[in-house]
């Protein structure tokens, strides 16, 4: 995709969204697996199906509703995505991260990105909430490959702190105020869609990862490229201890995510209120 084509596609998506709601959002929020209920709390919301937005991919994963909510939450103007796109669905990295480009063009300066993850760290069992402090990209691809548009971001964006330290500290503080612990860890991201082998989990742990996902890193890279502050919030839905590995069931993963959702919602709303 050329620079001109990317600009044109972003412009068309932005123009359509603005035709539905002239709100200038401050915070972009991407809801992950089993985390869609927070969208119902958005006030004065305009709800747009992804399939209606020019150049937006369409969610093909059953736990991702595929709707954009524009409105306010805890006094902040939000661009909330009820579901995301994954590389394993067959989309390119630029397609996966296109919504982040659009939310940035609309005015978002902060991204809160959520996901469901497996944990190789026994201190972060199923049901834990984790704020990633760093990532390891094992997807074999990068959304910034290709011609760079200097208006969108620098050719070589710095990734020394991909997740904003002040936002991580704020999330930890909000969690403490509500009586639950927020873990911090390193996230490794793979393509999926198959879950990993015991040998892979063991390898990930040895290279310094605590949790594993099939998303989030591409979105984070593009957000940082565009000058946004990023807070990741991961829900551990299954333990991935290689020496005690059990088969994982999607229904169980979603059930764990649903059980953690009330805490996740309190955390997100508390962070938004304090921003």
Protein backbone atom coordinates (compact mmCIF):
# COMPACT_ATOMS: atom_id res chain seq x y z
CA UNK A 1 0.00 0.00 0.00
CA UNK A 2 1.45 3.37 -1.01
CA UNK A 3 1.55 6.40 1.25
CA UNK A 4 -1.08 8.09 -0.92
CA UNK A 5 -3.38 5.06 -0.72
CA UNK A 6 -3.06 4.89 3.06
CA UNK A 7 -3.84 8.59 3.42
CA UNK A 8 -6.86 8.25 1.16
CA UNK A 9 -8.24 5.28 3.08
CA UNK A 10 -7.75 6.96 6.46
CA UNK A 11 -9.42 10.11 5.15
CA UNK A 12 -12.44 8.21 3.83
CA UNK A 13 -12.92 6.31 7.09
CA UNK A 14 -12.57 9.49 9.13
CA UNK A 15 -15.03 11.37 6.93
CA UNK A 16 -17.63 8.62 7.26
CA UNK A 17 -17.30 8.40 11.05
CA UNK A 18 -17.52 12.18 11.38
CA UNK A 19 -20.67 12.12 9.26
CA UNK A 20 -22.23 9.85 11.89
CA UNK A 21 -20.93 11.71 14.93
CA UNK A 22 -18.82 14.89 15.04
CA UNK A 23 -17.36 13.95 18.43
CA UNK A 24 -13.58 14.39 18.66
CA UNK A 25 -12.45 11.41 20.75
CA UNK A 26 -9.62 11.65 23.27
CA UNK A 27 -9.12 7.99 24.16
CA UNK A 28 -9.21 4.94 21.92
CA UNK A 29 -10.20 1.67 23.60
CA UNK A 30 -9.93 -1.78 22.02
CA UNK A 31 -11.92 -4.44 23.85
CA UNK A 32 -10.66 -8.02 23.66
CA UNK A 33 -12.15 -11.51 23.99
CA UNK A 34 -15.07 -11.63 26.41
CA UNK A 35 -14.66 -7.96 27.29
CA UNK A 36 -17.43 -6.32 25.25
CA UNK A 37 -19.83 -5.26 28.02
CA UNK A 38 -17.95 -2.07 28.79
CA UNK A 39 -19.25 -0.65 25.51
CA UNK A 40 -22.77 -0.71 26.96
CA UNK A 41 -21.69 1.93 29.50
CA UNK A 42 -20.70 4.51 26.85
CA UNK A 43 -23.03 7.49 27.18
CA UNK A 44 -24.79 9.18 24.25
CA UNK A 45 -23.20 6.55 22.05
CA UNK A 46 -23.28 6.41 18.29
CA UNK A 47 -22.88 2.75 17.34
CA UNK A 48 -21.43 1.91 13.93
CA UNK A 49 -20.90 -1.57 12.51
CA UNK A 50 -17.39 -2.14 11.22
CA UNK A 51 -18.78 -3.33 7.90
CA UNK A 52 -20.24 0.16 7.31
CA UNK A 53 -16.93 1.98 7.82
CA UNK A 54 -14.87 2.38 4.63
CA UNK A 55 -11.80 0.12 4.59
CA UNK A 56 -12.44 -1.38 8.04
CA UNK A 57 -11.97 -5.14 8.16
CA UNK A 58 -14.79 -7.23 9.62
CA UNK A 59 -14.35 -9.32 12.78
CA UNK A 60 -14.61 -13.05 12.08
CA UNK A 61 -14.02 -14.26 15.64
CA UNK A 62 -17.20 -15.21 17.50
CA UNK A 63 -16.30 -13.35 20.70
CA UNK A 64 -15.70 -10.05 18.87
CA UNK A 65 -18.92 -8.17 18.06
CA UNK A 66 -17.50 -5.81 15.44
CA UNK A 67 -19.00 -2.47 16.49
CA UNK A 68 -17.59 0.99 17.09
CA UNK A 69 -18.99 3.06 19.95
CA UNK A 70 -18.46 6.84 19.93
CA UNK A 71 -19.51 8.70 23.04
CA UNK A 72 -18.37 9.56 26.56
CA UNK A 73 -17.31 7.45 29.52
CA UNK A 74 -16.23 8.85 32.88
CA UNK A 75 -16.18 12.31 31.31
CA UNK A 76 -13.80 11.33 28.50
CA UNK A 77 -14.66 11.23 24.81
CA UNK A 78 -14.00 7.68 23.64
CA UNK A 79 -13.57 5.70 20.43
CA UNK A 80 -14.37 2.22 21.70
CA UNK A 81 -13.96 -0.86 19.56
CA UNK A 82 -16.09 -3.85 20.56
CA UNK A 83 -13.82 -6.41 18.99
CA UNK A 84 -10.59 -6.28 17.02
CA UNK A 85 -8.92 -7.85 14.00
CA UNK A 86 -6.21 -10.50 14.10
CA UNK A 87 -3.38 -11.36 11.76
CA UNK A 88 -4.52 -15.00 11.81
CA UNK A 89 -7.84 -14.00 10.25
CA UNK A 90 -5.94 -13.39 7.03
CA UNK A 91 -5.71 -9.63 7.25
CA UNK A 92 -2.46 -7.79 6.60
CA UNK A 93 -0.69 -5.98 9.40
CA UNK A 94 -1.80 -2.65 7.93
CA UNK A 95 -5.42 -3.84 7.89
CA UNK A 96 -5.19 -5.12 11.47
CA UNK A 97 -3.91 -1.75 12.68
CA UNK A 98 -5.96 0.50 10.38
CA UNK A 99 -8.45 1.42 13.14
CA UNK A 100 -5.58 2.79 15.25
CA UNK A 101 -4.63 5.08 12.38
CA UNK A 102 -8.24 6.23 12.16
CA UNK A 103 -8.65 6.87 15.88
CA UNK A 104 -5.42 8.86 15.87
CA UNK A 105 -6.58 10.92 12.89
CA UNK A 106 -9.81 11.67 14.75
CA UNK A 107 -7.85 13.06 17.70
CA UNK A 108 -7.15 10.20 20.14
CA UNK A 109 -3.96 10.75 22.12
CA UNK A 110 -4.23 7.69 24.37
CA UNK A 111 -4.90 4.04 23.56
CA UNK A 112 -6.15 1.50 26.09
CA UNK A 113 -5.80 -1.92 24.49
CA UNK A 114 -7.15 -5.08 26.10
CA UNK A 115 -6.72 -8.76 25.35
CA UNK A 116 -7.00 -12.27 26.69
CA UNK A 117 -3.67 -14.00 27.28
CA UNK A 118 -2.14 -17.22 28.45
CA UNK A 119 0.35 -17.10 31.32
CA UNK A 120 3.67 -18.92 31.60
CA UNK A 121 4.27 -17.29 34.99
CA UNK A 122 2.87 -19.30 37.93
CA UNK A 123 2.51 -16.03 39.89
CA UNK A 124 -0.03 -14.83 37.29
CA UNK A 125 -2.72 -17.54 37.28
CA UNK A 126 -5.98 -17.60 35.33
CA UNK A 127 -8.16 -14.65 36.29
CA UNK A 128 -5.23 -12.29 36.88
CA UNK A 129 -5.12 -8.82 35.36
CA UNK A 130 -1.73 -7.86 33.93
CA UNK A 131 -0.44 -4.58 32.54
CA UNK A 132 2.31 -5.36 30.02
CA UNK A 133 5.45 -3.32 30.59
CA UNK A 134 7.20 -4.53 27.44
CA UNK A 135 6.72 -6.90 24.54
CA UNK A 136 8.48 -9.44 22.35
CA UNK A 137 7.21 -9.57 18.78
CA UNK A 138 7.30 -13.15 17.49
CA UNK A 139 4.78 -12.60 14.69
CA UNK A 140 7.38 -12.44 11.94
CA UNK A 141 5.88 -9.22 10.57
CA UNK A 142 5.54 -5.55 11.44
CA UNK A 143 2.84 -3.02 10.50
CA UNK A 144 5.48 -0.37 9.74
CA UNK A 145 7.12 -2.33 6.94
CA UNK A 146 6.88 -0.45 3.65
CA UNK A 147 7.02 3.24 2.72
CA UNK A 148 6.82 5.53 5.75
CA UNK A 149 4.49 8.52 5.91
CA UNK A 150 6.30 11.11 8.01
CA UNK A 151 2.95 12.77 8.75
CA UNK A 152 1.85 9.61 10.55
CA UNK A 153 5.07 9.02 12.45
CA UNK A 154 8.86 8.66 12.22
CA UNK A 155 10.61 6.04 10.11
CA UNK A 156 12.29 4.53 13.17
CA UNK A 157 10.02 5.00 16.21
CA UNK A 158 11.59 4.42 19.61
CA UNK A 159 10.26 1.42 21.54
CA UNK A 160 12.19 1.76 24.78
CA UNK A 161 8.86 2.25 26.58
CA UNK A 162 6.06 0.99 24.32
CA UNK A 163 3.64 0.99 27.25
CA UNK A 164 3.37 4.28 29.13
CA UNK A 165 4.90 4.02 32.61
CA UNK A 166 2.65 6.70 34.11
CA UNK A 167 -0.45 4.91 32.85
CA UNK A 168 0.82 1.60 34.24
CA UNK A 169 1.33 3.23 37.65
CA UNK A 170 -2.14 4.77 37.43
CA UNK A 171 -3.69 1.37 36.65
CA UNK A 172 -1.89 -0.17 39.62
CA UNK A 173 -3.18 2.62 41.87
CA UNK A 174 -6.76 2.21 40.65
CA UNK A 175 -6.56 -1.55 41.21
CA UNK A 176 -5.35 -1.05 44.77
CA UNK A 177 -8.20 1.39 45.44
CA UNK A 178 -10.68 -1.29 44.37
CA UNK A 179 -8.94 -4.04 46.32
CA UNK A 180 -7.39 -6.15 43.58
CA UNK A 181 -3.83 -6.62 42.38
CA UNK A 182 -2.57 -5.59 38.97
CA UNK A 183 0.42 -7.63 37.87
CA UNK A 184 3.13 -6.34 35.56
CA UNK A 185 4.80 -8.52 32.96
CA UNK A 186 6.35 -8.95 29.55
CA UNK A 187 4.05 -10.01 26.72
CA UNK A 188 5.13 -12.15 23.77
CA UNK A 189 2.86 -12.07 20.73
CA UNK A 190 2.53 -14.84 18.14
CA UNK A 191 0.37 -15.20 15.06
CA UNK A 192 -1.92 -18.05 16.16
CA UNK A 193 -4.56 -19.25 15.67
CA UNK A 194 -3.35 -22.52 17.20
CA UNK A 195 -2.41 -22.44 20.84
CA UNK A 196 1.23 -23.04 21.60
CA UNK A 197 3.06 -26.25 22.37
CA UNK A 198 4.66 -26.98 25.72
CA UNK A 199 8.09 -26.48 24.12
CA UNK A 200 7.06 -23.06 22.84
CA UNK A 201 5.74 -21.99 26.24
CA UNK A 202 9.00 -23.12 27.81
CA UNK A 203 10.96 -21.14 25.22
CA UNK A 204 8.87 -18.00 25.77
CA UNK A 205 9.43 -18.19 29.52
CA UNK A 206 13.17 -18.60 29.05
CA UNK A 207 13.43 -15.52 26.84
CA UNK A 208 11.70 -13.40 29.48
CA UNK A 209 7.98 -13.48 28.66
CA UNK A 210 5.27 -13.84 31.28
CA UNK A 211 2.16 -13.83 29.08
CA UNK A 212 1.39 -14.73 25.46
CA UNK A 213 -1.14 -13.19 23.08
CA UNK A 214 -2.18 -13.26 19.42
CA UNK A 215 -2.79 -9.50 19.17
CA UNK A 216 -2.01 -6.12 20.76
CA UNK A 217 1.62 -5.72 19.69
CA UNK A 218 0.83 -4.54 16.12
CA UNK A 219 -1.71 -2.04 17.49
CA UNK A 220 0.78 -0.85 20.09
CA UNK A 221 3.52 -0.36 17.51
CA UNK A 222 1.25 1.76 15.31
CA UNK A 223 -0.04 3.77 18.27
CA UNK A 224 3.51 4.57 19.44
CA UNK A 225 4.46 5.38 15.84
CA UNK A 226 1.62 7.91 15.84
CA UNK A 227 2.68 9.51 19.14
CA UNK A 228 -0.02 7.97 21.33
CA UNK A 229 0.36 6.87 24.94
CA UNK A 230 -0.53 3.21 25.36
CA UNK A 231 -1.86 1.23 28.31
CA UNK A 232 -2.26 -2.51 27.87
CA UNK A 233 -4.60 -4.50 30.10
CA UNK A 234 -4.44 -8.26 29.75
CA UNK A 235 -6.76 -10.82 31.32
CA UNK A 236 -5.09 -14.18 31.97
CA UNK A 237 -7.61 -16.75 30.76
CA UNK A 238 -5.52 -19.90 30.94
CA UNK A 239 -2.35 -21.17 32.56
CA UNK A 240 0.41 -22.24 30.18
CA UNK A 241 2.88 -23.94 32.46
CA UNK A 242 4.77 -26.30 30.14
CA UNK A 243 5.28 -29.05 32.69
CA UNK A 244 1.61 -29.08 33.72
CA UNK A 245 -0.06 -28.22 30.44
CA UNK A 246 -3.72 -29.12 30.00
CA UNK A 247 -5.86 -28.84 26.84
CA UNK A 248 -7.52 -25.44 26.56
CA UNK A 249 -11.17 -24.98 25.59
CA UNK A 250 -12.44 -21.74 24.05
CA UNK A 251 -15.58 -21.88 26.18
CA UNK A 252 -13.46 -22.01 29.34
CA UNK A 253 -11.27 -19.14 28.13
CA UNK A 254 -14.32 -16.96 27.48
CA UNK A 255 -15.82 -17.95 30.85
CA UNK A 256 -12.68 -16.82 32.69
CA UNK A 257 -12.64 -13.55 30.71
CA UNK A 258 -16.31 -12.96 31.56
CA UNK A 259 -15.63 -13.58 35.25
CA UNK A 260 -12.80 -11.04 35.25
CA UNK A 261 -14.79 -8.44 33.33
CA UNK A 262 -16.27 -6.59 36.36
CA UNK A 263 -12.76 -5.89 37.68
CA UNK A 264 -11.60 -4.95 34.20
CA UNK A 265 -14.46 -2.49 33.85
CA UNK A 266 -13.76 -0.92 37.24
CA UNK A 267 -10.10 -0.60 36.31
CA UNK A 268 -10.76 0.96 32.91
CA UNK A 269 -13.33 3.41 34.22
CA UNK A 270 -11.05 4.37 37.10
CA UNK A 271 -8.17 5.05 34.72
CA UNK A 272 -10.40 7.11 32.42
CA UNK A 273 -11.71 9.14 35.33
CA UNK A 274 -8.19 9.92 36.53
CA UNK A 275 -6.77 10.88 33.13
